[in-house]
N, C-alpha and C. Protein backbone atom coordinates (compact mmCIF):
# COMPACT_ATOMS: atom_id res chain seq x y z
N UNK A 1 0.67 -1.17 -0.13
CA UNK A 1 0.52 -0.03 0.08
C UNK A 1 0.72 1.43 -0.30
N UNK A 2 0.70 2.03 -1.13
CA UNK A 2 1.31 3.31 -1.18
C UNK A 2 0.16 4.27 -1.17
N UNK A 3 1.35 5.54 -1.09
CA UNK A 3 0.42 7.18 -1.15
C UNK A 3 0.00 7.17 0.04
N UNK A 4 -0.98 8.24 0.02
CA UNK A 4 -1.73 9.16 1.25
C UNK A 4 -2.18 8.06 2.17
N UNK A 5 -2.92 7.25 1.92
CA UNK A 5 -3.13 6.23 3.07
C UNK A 5 -2.48 5.16 3.74
N UNK A 6 -1.12 4.59 3.10
CA UNK A 6 -0.29 4.01 3.58
C UNK A 6 0.37 5.44 4.70
N UNK A 7 0.44 6.70 4.56
CA UNK A 7 0.98 7.31 5.35
C UNK A 7 0.25 7.72 6.68
N UNK A 8 -1.14 7.78 5.94
CA UNK A 8 -2.25 7.67 7.17
C UNK A 8 -1.91 6.57 8.23
N UNK A 9 -1.66 5.39 7.83
CA UNK A 9 -2.09 3.91 8.06
C UNK A 9 -0.97 3.97 9.23
N UNK A 10 0.62 4.11 8.94
CA UNK A 10 1.68 4.48 9.43
C UNK A 10 1.43 5.36 10.70
N UNK A 11 1.35 6.56 10.51
CA UNK A 11 0.97 7.83 11.33
C UNK A 11 0.03 6.71 13.00
N UNK A 12 -1.23 6.40 12.08
CA UNK A 12 -2.18 5.68 12.78
C UNK A 12 -1.31 3.91 13.75
N UNK A 13 -0.47 4.00 13.38
CA UNK A 13 0.14 2.88 13.76
C UNK A 13 1.35 3.00 14.95
N UNK A 14 2.13 4.25 14.62
CA UNK A 14 2.88 5.26 15.22
C UNK A 14 1.97 5.43 16.51
N UNK A 15 1.17 6.01 16.53
CA UNK A 15 0.29 6.24 17.90
C UNK A 15 -0.03 5.68 18.60
N UNK A 16 -0.67 4.33 17.92
CA UNK A 16 -0.75 3.06 18.84
C UNK A 16 0.27 2.49 19.32
N UNK A 17 1.08 2.24 18.44
CA UNK A 17 2.65 1.71 19.18
C UNK A 17 3.00 2.35 20.23
N UNK A 18 3.47 3.43 20.29
CA UNK A 18 3.72 4.58 20.71
C UNK A 18 5.21 4.56 20.63
N UNK A 19 5.92 5.56 20.79
CA UNK A 19 7.33 5.94 20.31
C UNK A 19 8.65 4.79 21.46
N UNK A 20 9.59 4.43 20.67
CA UNK A 20 10.15 3.54 21.59
C UNK A 20 10.26 3.87 23.48
N UNK A 21 10.38 4.52 23.40
CA UNK A 21 10.43 5.88 24.85
C UNK A 21 9.65 6.47 25.07
N UNK A 22 8.47 6.62 25.26
CA UNK A 22 7.38 7.47 25.49
C UNK A 22 7.63 8.00 26.65
N UNK A 23 7.71 9.60 26.68
CA UNK A 23 7.33 10.48 28.08
C UNK A 23 6.33 11.31 28.17
N UNK A 24 5.67 11.55 29.30
CA UNK A 24 4.26 12.24 28.87
C UNK A 24 4.99 13.57 29.29
N UNK A 25 4.11 14.68 28.91
CA UNK A 25 4.27 16.24 29.29
C UNK A 25 4.28 16.37 30.13
N UNK A 26 3.58 15.79 31.43
CA UNK A 26 4.07 16.20 32.98
C UNK A 26 5.05 15.74 33.47
N UNK A 27 5.77 14.60 32.89
CA UNK A 27 6.78 14.24 33.35
C UNK A 27 8.07 14.80 32.95
N UNK A 28 8.14 15.85 31.51
CA UNK A 28 9.25 16.74 31.01
C UNK A 28 8.92 17.73 31.95
N UNK A 29 7.23 18.23 31.87
CA UNK A 29 7.63 19.19 32.80
C UNK A 29 8.35 19.35 34.83
N UNK A 30 7.92 18.22 35.18
CA UNK A 30 9.05 17.79 36.35
C UNK A 30 9.86 17.77 36.11
N UNK A 31 10.97 17.40 34.92
CA UNK A 31 12.35 17.30 34.63
C UNK A 31 12.76 18.80 34.31
N UNK A 32 12.17 19.50 33.79
CA UNK A 32 12.72 21.30 33.67
C UNK A 32 12.59 22.11 34.73
N UNK A 33 11.71 21.43 35.65
CA UNK A 33 11.20 22.48 37.32
C UNK A 33 12.54 21.98 38.19
N UNK A 34 12.86 20.28 38.28
CA UNK A 34 13.82 19.68 38.64
C UNK A 34 15.25 20.68 38.06
N UNK A 35 15.07 20.85 37.14
CA UNK A 35 16.48 21.23 36.62
C UNK A 35 16.84 22.37 36.89
N UNK A 36 16.23 23.28 37.18
CA UNK A 36 15.89 24.66 37.42
C UNK A 36 16.18 25.21 35.91
N UNK A 37 16.10 24.93 35.34
CA UNK A 37 16.20 25.60 33.80
C UNK A 37 15.44 27.10 33.74
N UNK A 38 15.95 27.71 33.09
CA UNK A 38 15.52 29.38 33.83
C UNK A 38 14.42 29.63 32.60
N UNK A 39 13.55 30.93 33.02
CA UNK A 39 12.88 31.08 31.97
C UNK A 39 13.46 31.75 30.86
N UNK A 40 13.00 31.19 29.11
CA UNK A 40 13.60 31.81 28.20
C UNK A 40 14.99 31.14 27.96
N UNK A 41 15.19 30.26 28.73
CA UNK A 41 16.55 29.57 27.93
C UNK A 41 16.20 28.68 27.04
N UNK A 42 16.98 27.56 26.80
CA UNK A 42 16.89 26.64 25.39
C UNK A 42 17.11 25.31 26.30
N UNK A 43 16.39 24.19 25.64
CA UNK A 43 16.45 22.99 26.22
C UNK A 43 16.65 22.38 24.91
N UNK A 44 17.35 21.17 25.33
CA UNK A 44 17.58 20.52 23.59
C UNK A 44 17.45 19.08 23.63
N UNK A 45 16.22 18.29 22.93
CA UNK A 45 16.38 17.24 22.75
C UNK A 45 16.71 16.54 21.85
N UNK A 46 17.72 15.84 21.60
CA UNK A 46 18.24 14.95 20.40
C UNK A 46 17.58 13.61 20.07
N UNK A 47 17.11 13.43 21.02
CA UNK A 47 15.99 12.28 20.48
C UNK A 47 14.79 12.83 20.63
N UNK A 48 13.89 13.52 19.94
CA UNK A 48 12.64 14.39 20.55
C UNK A 48 11.39 13.29 20.32
N UNK A 49 11.56 12.51 19.33
CA UNK A 49 10.34 11.79 19.15
C UNK A 49 8.61 12.50 18.89
N UNK A 50 7.81 12.07 19.79
CA UNK A 50 6.65 12.89 19.02
C UNK A 50 6.84 14.25 20.14
N UNK A 51 8.05 14.38 20.39
CA UNK A 51 7.71 16.17 20.81
C UNK A 51 7.31 16.51 22.61
N UNK A 52 7.03 15.56 23.19
CA UNK A 52 6.38 15.65 24.51
C UNK A 52 7.71 16.76 25.53
N UNK A 53 8.60 16.41 25.22
CA UNK A 53 9.36 17.93 25.85
C UNK A 53 9.74 19.04 25.08
N UNK A 54 8.99 18.90 24.17
CA UNK A 54 8.93 20.53 23.12
C UNK A 54 7.58 21.19 23.69
N UNK A 55 6.67 20.32 23.62
CA UNK A 55 5.11 20.91 24.38
C UNK A 55 5.56 21.47 25.91
N UNK A 56 6.68 20.92 26.86
CA UNK A 56 6.68 21.23 28.28
C UNK A 56 7.18 22.22 27.97
N UNK A 57 8.46 22.48 27.10
CA UNK A 57 8.72 23.75 27.06
C UNK A 57 8.23 24.75 26.71
N UNK A 58 7.29 24.93 25.79
CA UNK A 58 6.49 25.77 25.32
C UNK A 58 5.73 26.04 26.99
N UNK A 59 4.88 25.09 27.40
CA UNK A 59 4.54 25.51 28.13
C UNK A 59 4.66 26.04 29.22
N UNK A 60 6.56 26.23 29.54
CA UNK A 60 7.19 26.86 30.68
C UNK A 60 7.65 28.02 30.25
N UNK A 61 7.72 28.30 29.10
CA UNK A 61 8.33 29.37 28.58
C UNK A 61 9.69 29.65 28.31
N UNK A 62 10.02 28.27 28.00
CA UNK A 62 11.38 27.97 27.74
C UNK A 62 11.81 28.05 25.97
N UNK A 63 12.85 28.05 25.12
CA UNK A 63 12.93 27.69 23.90
C UNK A 63 13.61 26.05 23.98
N UNK A 64 13.71 25.63 22.98
CA UNK A 64 13.30 24.30 22.68
C UNK A 64 13.84 24.45 21.27
N UNK A 65 14.73 23.05 20.97
CA UNK A 65 15.57 22.71 19.50
C UNK A 65 15.45 21.00 19.86
N UNK A 66 14.75 20.72 18.93
CA UNK A 66 14.40 19.01 18.32
C UNK A 66 15.13 18.46 17.33
N UNK A 67 15.56 17.45 17.69
CA UNK A 67 16.43 16.24 16.46
C UNK A 67 15.57 14.90 16.57
N UNK A 68 15.10 14.56 15.58
CA UNK A 68 14.70 13.45 15.38
C UNK A 68 15.04 12.75 13.77
N UNK A 69 15.47 11.76 13.72
CA UNK A 69 15.44 10.99 12.74
C UNK A 69 14.55 10.19 11.96
N UNK A 70 13.44 10.15 12.42
CA UNK A 70 12.34 9.56 12.50
C UNK A 70 11.09 10.57 11.70
N UNK A 71 10.97 10.66 10.09
CA UNK A 71 10.92 11.90 9.54
C UNK A 71 8.94 11.72 10.12
N UNK A 72 8.57 10.86 10.19
CA UNK A 72 6.91 10.64 10.60
C UNK A 72 6.94 11.12 12.08
N UNK A 73 7.64 10.91 13.12
CA UNK A 73 7.69 11.00 14.30
C UNK A 73 8.03 12.65 14.30
N UNK A 74 9.13 13.27 13.38
CA UNK A 74 8.98 14.76 13.56
C UNK A 74 8.06 15.19 13.46
N UNK A 75 7.57 14.81 12.14
CA UNK A 75 6.27 15.84 11.28
C UNK A 75 4.73 15.64 13.41
N UNK A 76 4.92 14.26 13.87
CA UNK A 76 4.34 14.45 14.57
C UNK A 76 4.72 15.82 15.73
N UNK A 77 5.74 15.40 15.67
CA UNK A 77 6.12 16.73 16.77
C UNK A 77 6.01 17.80 16.73
N UNK A 78 6.10 18.24 15.40
CA UNK A 78 6.07 19.37 14.69
C UNK A 78 5.03 20.21 15.03
N UNK A 79 3.99 19.21 15.13
CA UNK A 79 2.03 19.90 14.75
C UNK A 79 2.30 19.37 16.25
N UNK A 80 2.35 19.01 17.56
CA UNK A 80 1.99 18.68 18.24
C UNK A 80 2.87 20.19 19.23
N UNK A 81 3.85 20.34 18.49
CA UNK A 81 4.43 21.88 19.38
C UNK A 81 4.26 22.87 18.77
N UNK A 82 3.38 23.07 17.82
CA UNK A 82 3.10 24.22 16.24
C UNK A 82 1.72 24.54 17.59
N UNK A 83 0.64 23.10 17.49
CA UNK A 83 -0.43 23.62 18.70
C UNK A 83 -0.35 23.88 19.82
N UNK A 84 0.53 23.64 20.38
CA UNK A 84 0.83 24.18 21.68
C UNK A 84 1.13 25.65 21.80
N UNK A 85 2.06 26.08 20.85
CA UNK A 85 1.91 27.78 20.31
C UNK A 85 0.96 28.37 20.36
N UNK A 86 0.42 27.93 19.49
CA UNK A 86 -1.32 28.22 19.14
C UNK A 86 -2.05 29.22 20.57
N UNK A 87 -1.76 27.85 21.63
CA UNK A 87 -2.54 28.06 23.01
C UNK A 87 -2.21 29.45 23.36
N UNK A 88 -0.58 29.51 23.41
CA UNK A 88 -0.40 30.53 23.57
C UNK A 88 -0.53 32.28 23.16
N UNK A 89 -0.94 32.07 21.79
CA UNK A 89 -0.61 33.11 20.79
C UNK A 89 -2.05 33.89 21.12
N UNK A 90 -3.23 32.94 21.89
CA UNK A 90 -4.25 33.63 22.37
C UNK A 90 -4.20 34.87 23.23
N UNK A 91 -3.12 34.85 24.25
CA UNK A 91 -2.62 35.63 25.04
C UNK A 91 -1.79 37.15 24.33
N UNK A 92 -1.93 38.01 24.96
CA UNK A 92 -0.65 39.14 24.63
C UNK A 92 0.56 38.71 25.69
N UNK A 93 1.77 39.30 25.06
CA UNK A 93 3.01 39.08 25.64
C UNK A 93 2.84 39.52 27.27
N UNK A 94 2.23 40.71 27.48
CA UNK A 94 2.13 41.11 28.99
C UNK A 94 1.26 40.18 29.45
N UNK A 95 0.40 39.35 29.47
CA UNK A 95 -0.48 38.63 29.71
C UNK A 95 0.11 37.14 30.02
N UNK A 96 0.56 36.96 28.72
CA UNK A 96 1.37 35.71 28.95
C UNK A 96 2.17 35.56 30.02
N UNK A 97 3.36 36.44 29.91
CA UNK A 97 3.90 36.95 31.00
C UNK A 97 3.93 36.47 32.64
N UNK A 98 2.51 37.23 32.54
CA UNK A 98 1.75 37.10 33.85
C UNK A 98 1.51 35.68 34.44
N UNK A 99 1.39 35.00 33.49
CA UNK A 99 0.73 33.76 33.27
C UNK A 99 1.69 32.64 33.66
N UNK A 100 2.71 32.97 33.01
CA UNK A 100 3.89 31.90 33.39
C UNK A 100 4.58 31.97 34.65
N UNK A 101 4.62 33.44 34.91
CA UNK A 101 5.30 33.77 36.24
C UNK A 101 4.33 32.71 37.29
N UNK A 102 2.92 32.74 37.01
CA UNK A 102 2.29 31.87 37.96
C UNK A 102 2.12 30.73 38.33
N UNK A 103 2.29 30.77 36.97
CA UNK A 103 2.77 28.68 36.91
C UNK A 103 3.83 28.21 37.31
N UNK A 104 4.97 29.43 36.71
CA UNK A 104 6.16 28.97 37.51
C UNK A 104 6.17 28.33 38.86
N UNK A 105 5.65 30.13 39.41
CA UNK A 105 5.61 30.23 41.40
C UNK A 105 4.89 28.59 41.97
N UNK A 106 3.49 28.29 41.16
CA UNK A 106 3.01 27.31 41.44
C UNK A 106 3.85 26.08 41.50
N UNK A 107 4.78 26.04 40.10
CA UNK A 107 5.11 24.62 40.86
C UNK A 107 6.50 24.53 41.93
N UNK A 108 7.42 25.83 41.22
CA UNK A 108 8.30 25.85 42.62
C UNK A 108 7.87 25.38 44.20
N UNK A 109 6.53 25.90 44.06
CA UNK A 109 5.93 25.91 45.39
C UNK A 109 5.70 24.20 45.85
N UNK A 110 5.17 23.55 44.43
CA UNK A 110 4.88 22.26 44.35
C UNK A 110 3.90 21.73 44.07
N UNK A 111 2.51 23.06 43.66
CA UNK A 111 1.20 22.94 43.68
C UNK A 111 0.86 22.58 42.22
N UNK A 112 -0.14 22.20 41.57
CA UNK A 112 -0.37 21.67 40.62
C UNK A 112 -1.24 22.95 39.82
N UNK A 113 -0.58 23.47 38.74
CA UNK A 113 -1.69 24.11 38.05
C UNK A 113 -2.14 23.84 37.11
N UNK A 114 -3.58 24.60 37.38
CA UNK A 114 -4.72 24.19 36.27
C UNK A 114 -5.31 25.37 35.45
N UNK A 115 -6.02 24.53 34.09
CA UNK A 115 -6.46 26.28 33.42
C UNK A 115 -7.35 26.37 33.81
N UNK A 116 -8.13 27.43 34.22
CA UNK A 116 -9.42 28.09 34.22
C UNK A 116 -9.61 29.11 32.97
N UNK A 117 -11.44 29.26 33.24
CA UNK A 117 -11.57 30.45 31.89
C UNK A 117 -10.65 31.97 32.14
N UNK A 118 -10.08 32.22 32.99
CA UNK A 118 -9.62 33.60 33.40
C UNK A 118 -7.79 33.25 32.99
N UNK A 119 -7.65 31.90 33.08
CA UNK A 119 -6.14 31.62 32.36
C UNK A 119 -5.69 30.52 33.68
N UNK A 120 -4.27 30.95 33.92
CA UNK A 120 -3.58 29.53 34.88
C UNK A 120 -3.99 29.56 36.32
N UNK A 121 -3.77 29.07 37.18
CA UNK A 121 -3.85 29.37 38.55
C UNK A 121 -3.99 28.14 39.45
N UNK A 122 -2.58 28.77 40.35
CA UNK A 122 -1.95 27.71 40.81
C UNK A 122 -3.06 26.87 42.14
N UNK A 123 -2.95 25.66 41.96
CA UNK A 123 -4.07 24.79 43.29
C UNK A 123 -3.25 24.16 43.64
N UNK A 124 -3.71 24.04 45.08
CA UNK A 124 -2.75 23.14 45.92
C UNK A 124 -2.94 21.74 46.14
């Protein structure tokens, strides 16, 4: 089977089987916080897979460089990261900075951050 249908089938199989070393975004958020990577710093993931580290970087206001040899995983990662960036484009730079400061402070205290209709608010 060749063509677009084969590509969609391979992507579906990748998503169903998962990457060989899957990491949930929540784990990568914890790693970024534990490593104390400063806001605006760059995170490098030389084995990007489906982009969980990139999504976590965007959520926490860090820059991201990802490398992936498998074109299908690369495309999935690019879409996930782009979708995450689009979420933050809904805020002005000032609002986004305020939201990231709230989230960063909450994570530093060990609180979880939940999204509400008026933005991110720390919860215990």
